[in-house]
Each structure stands twice: as structure tokens, then as C-alpha cells.
Amino acid sequence: MLLPLPVGIGDPLHRTTAVKDRMDAIKQGHEAPIAYGILELMGRAPGVLEGRLIDYFSAKGSMVLTNVPGPTRTLSLAGTPLRGVLVWAPCSGSVGMSVTVFSYA
């Protein structure tokens, strides 16, 4: 999904709000299901074609930004409460930066 960033807004709070509003509009629109369908088709293509398509689409972006709501309560592993969770969104093609926002407890 391509998100035009509001680089012309000087105030950081207004800029952040503008990004959220734009992402909400994308999530509510038709673009997300179409993009998901395209990704599914790409994954079914022969390897060489899939690689070319990934390179083509990843050249259109500069980073991956994802926000994932995590568990609202503290989780435990072998009886030990987890104090935090490390998350990572992979990059493909020539995209060299990934930012993941993940809520926990």
C-alpha cells in the first residue's frame, strides 16, 4: 500500500494525525483488499516472475510501516511473565527500512 506522507505539515502532532487519518481511509477503502489479492497472486506466480514483480512494487516505496495491536494483557512463558515483545516486519526488494508499532499489555 502506498501512503503519501504529509511532509508539508510542520507540527509533529498534526503530521502524525494526518498520517493516521490517511491510513484509516486506506484501511476502510477498496485498496487494501485489492493489494492483498495482488500479493496472493504474486505468491502463486513462477519464481522468476514473482521476483520481478516484487522488485517492481518494492521500488515504489521507501519503507515498511506497520501497526499491529498485540495482546492487552501480560503473557507468560513457562510461568515467567513477558516484560516485552520484539517484533519485526520484513522488507523485500530494495526497501531498506522497516518500522513496526506493536502494543503489548
Foldseek 3Di string as FASTA:
>chain_A
DDQDQPPVDDDPVVSVVVSVVRVVVCVPDDNVVVVVVVLVVLVVDPPVSSQVVLQVVLVVDQEAEEEDEDDPDFDDDPNHTDPDDDDWDDGDHPHDYYHYHYDDD
